[in-house]
């Protein structure tokens, strides 16, 4: 008599609470930390890149660092397929994922999130993750990307600190 409810409970515990997707295909770069694949917006997990309209300073000159971050990502991807492993969905309903550049059919992949931070075009977004702190420290030490000059962290820039 109590077996059916227990069986249903056991089955419910075995099922995942949410199906997380893997998305692969040609990617369009929206900004320095957002891609679109098959019409789905994907925010790169654990990183924050300068906004498209954000300006930074290097060698005494202002430059569009947000635009350069997006261009660097687009140049890196080129026409190669991208594989994204969904981790979550953010407040705006965007997929949050770690994305990889598919280098060859042998499944060799390069983590694009880590690459952006290691090249200095994004920061480790410590509010949400500690995954890319080492890459950020290496970029800072080598003065790559935005680390070659002065910048406002993107999360502060979005709050109006310019």
Protein backbone atom coordinates (compact mmCIF):
# COMPACT_ATOMS: atom_id res chain seq x y z
CA UNK A 1 0.00 0.00 0.00
CA UNK A 2 2.89 2.42 0.72
CA UNK A 3 5.11 1.09 -2.05
CA UNK A 4 3.81 3.31 -4.87
CA UNK A 5 4.44 6.66 -3.10
CA UNK A 6 7.91 5.45 -2.05
CA UNK A 7 8.69 4.38 -5.62
CA UNK A 8 7.62 7.78 -6.95
CA UNK A 9 9.74 9.54 -4.32
CA UNK A 10 12.76 7.38 -5.16
CA UNK A 11 12.35 8.09 -8.88
CA UNK A 12 12.03 11.84 -8.23
CA UNK A 13 15.27 11.82 -6.23
CA UNK A 14 17.11 10.11 -9.08
CA UNK A 15 16.00 12.60 -11.73
CA UNK A 16 18.02 15.81 -12.16
CA UNK A 17 16.21 18.94 -11.04
CA UNK A 18 17.08 20.82 -14.24
CA UNK A 19 18.45 19.61 -17.50
CA UNK A 20 21.62 21.53 -18.31
CA UNK A 21 22.47 21.71 -21.97
CA UNK A 22 25.54 21.49 -24.11
CA UNK A 23 25.42 23.86 -27.07
CA UNK A 24 27.74 23.57 -30.06
CA UNK A 25 27.93 25.61 -33.23
CA UNK A 26 29.05 28.76 -34.97
CA UNK A 27 29.22 31.57 -32.43
CA UNK A 28 28.50 35.24 -32.85
CA UNK A 29 30.30 37.53 -30.41
CA UNK A 30 27.86 39.93 -28.77
CA UNK A 31 30.40 41.51 -26.41
CA UNK A 32 33.54 40.48 -24.53
CA UNK A 33 31.72 37.93 -22.37
CA UNK A 34 28.59 37.06 -24.34
CA UNK A 35 28.14 34.74 -27.32
CA UNK A 36 25.15 33.69 -29.36
CA UNK A 37 24.86 30.17 -30.75
CA UNK A 38 21.73 28.99 -32.57
CA UNK A 39 19.85 32.08 -31.37
CA UNK A 40 20.69 31.47 -27.70
CA UNK A 41 22.56 34.12 -25.71
CA UNK A 42 25.33 32.65 -23.60
CA UNK A 43 27.09 34.55 -20.84
CA UNK A 44 30.60 33.29 -20.11
CA UNK A 45 30.76 31.95 -16.55
CA UNK A 46 33.09 33.47 -13.96
CA UNK A 47 34.37 36.38 -16.03
CA UNK A 48 33.45 40.01 -16.66
CA UNK A 49 34.77 41.92 -19.67
CA UNK A 50 34.61 45.67 -20.26
CA UNK A 51 31.31 46.85 -21.72
CA UNK A 52 31.23 47.71 -25.43
CA UNK A 53 31.04 51.44 -24.74
CA UNK A 54 33.66 51.38 -22.00
CA UNK A 55 36.85 53.37 -22.38
CA UNK A 56 40.22 52.55 -20.83
CA UNK A 57 43.60 54.34 -20.88
CA UNK A 58 46.91 52.94 -22.10
CA UNK A 59 50.08 54.94 -22.74
CA UNK A 60 48.16 58.13 -21.99
CA UNK A 61 45.55 57.46 -24.70
CA UNK A 62 41.90 56.56 -24.24
CA UNK A 63 40.74 53.52 -26.21
CA UNK A 64 37.59 51.44 -26.53
CA UNK A 65 38.63 48.51 -24.34
CA UNK A 66 35.18 46.89 -24.41
CA UNK A 67 35.20 46.88 -28.18
CA UNK A 68 38.77 45.53 -28.24
CA UNK A 69 37.79 42.70 -25.86
CA UNK A 70 34.94 41.72 -28.20
CA UNK A 71 37.23 41.92 -31.26
CA UNK A 72 39.86 39.78 -29.50
CA UNK A 73 37.25 37.12 -28.76
CA UNK A 74 35.88 37.23 -32.31
CA UNK A 75 39.40 36.94 -33.75
CA UNK A 76 40.17 34.00 -31.45
CA UNK A 77 37.02 32.13 -32.47
CA UNK A 78 37.20 32.96 -36.17
CA UNK A 79 35.09 30.40 -38.02
CA UNK A 80 35.78 27.52 -35.63
CA UNK A 81 32.88 25.87 -33.81
CA UNK A 82 32.34 26.59 -30.13
CA UNK A 83 31.14 24.11 -27.51
CA UNK A 84 29.45 25.53 -24.39
CA UNK A 85 28.66 23.58 -21.24
CA UNK A 86 25.71 25.21 -19.48
CA UNK A 87 26.14 25.72 -15.75
CA UNK A 88 23.21 27.94 -14.87
CA UNK A 89 20.68 30.51 -16.09
CA UNK A 90 21.05 34.10 -14.89
CA UNK A 91 18.40 36.62 -13.76
CA UNK A 92 17.83 37.76 -17.35
CA UNK A 93 17.27 34.19 -18.51
CA UNK A 94 20.64 34.00 -20.26
CA UNK A 95 22.53 30.73 -20.21
CA UNK A 96 25.71 30.89 -18.11
CA UNK A 97 28.36 28.52 -19.46
CA UNK A 98 31.98 27.60 -19.85
CA UNK A 99 32.70 27.71 -23.57
CA UNK A 100 35.46 26.00 -25.50
CA UNK A 101 36.94 26.56 -28.91
CA UNK A 102 36.81 23.26 -30.78
CA UNK A 103 40.32 23.01 -32.21
CA UNK A 104 40.01 19.69 -34.01
CA UNK A 105 37.79 16.65 -34.34
CA UNK A 106 39.93 14.96 -31.67
CA UNK A 107 38.00 16.90 -29.00
CA UNK A 108 40.93 19.18 -28.24
CA UNK A 109 39.29 22.30 -26.82
CA UNK A 110 40.53 25.59 -25.43
CA UNK A 111 38.58 27.22 -22.60
CA UNK A 112 37.53 30.63 -23.96
CA UNK A 113 36.60 31.97 -20.51
CA UNK A 114 40.13 31.27 -19.24
CA UNK A 115 41.70 32.57 -22.46
CA UNK A 116 39.93 35.95 -22.22
CA UNK A 117 41.11 36.44 -18.64
CA UNK A 118 44.66 35.23 -19.33
CA UNK A 119 44.94 37.64 -22.28
CA UNK A 120 43.76 40.50 -20.08
CA UNK A 121 40.47 41.15 -21.90
CA UNK A 122 38.28 40.08 -18.97
CA UNK A 123 38.52 39.92 -15.20
CA UNK A 124 37.81 37.02 -12.90
CA UNK A 125 34.30 37.78 -11.64
CA UNK A 126 34.95 36.89 -8.00
CA UNK A 127 31.36 37.69 -7.01
CA UNK A 128 30.28 34.53 -8.83
CA UNK A 129 33.38 32.36 -9.14
CA UNK A 130 37.01 31.87 -8.16
CA UNK A 131 37.77 29.87 -11.29
CA UNK A 132 39.96 32.36 -13.17
CA UNK A 133 41.91 34.18 -10.46
CA UNK A 134 45.26 32.61 -11.48
CA UNK A 135 44.72 33.66 -15.11
CA UNK A 136 43.93 37.21 -13.98
CA UNK A 137 47.07 37.39 -11.86
CA UNK A 138 49.19 36.22 -14.81
CA UNK A 139 47.61 38.82 -17.14
CA UNK A 140 48.13 41.57 -14.56
CA UNK A 141 51.79 40.61 -14.05
CA UNK A 142 52.44 40.50 -17.80
CA UNK A 143 50.45 43.75 -18.37
CA UNK A 144 48.30 42.16 -21.08
CA UNK A 145 45.05 43.58 -22.43
CA UNK A 146 43.42 46.12 -20.14
CA UNK A 147 46.19 45.57 -17.58
CA UNK A 148 48.58 47.58 -19.79
CA UNK A 149 46.98 50.76 -18.47
CA UNK A 150 44.13 52.10 -16.36
CA UNK A 151 40.54 50.87 -16.30
CA UNK A 152 37.44 50.76 -14.17
CA UNK A 153 36.28 47.20 -13.42
CA UNK A 154 33.22 46.48 -15.59
CA UNK A 155 30.90 45.90 -12.61
CA UNK A 156 31.81 49.38 -11.27
CA UNK A 157 31.52 50.96 -14.72
CA UNK A 158 27.97 49.59 -15.06
CA UNK A 159 27.10 51.28 -11.73
CA UNK A 160 28.13 54.60 -13.26
CA UNK A 161 31.71 54.89 -12.00
CA UNK A 162 33.60 56.20 -15.00
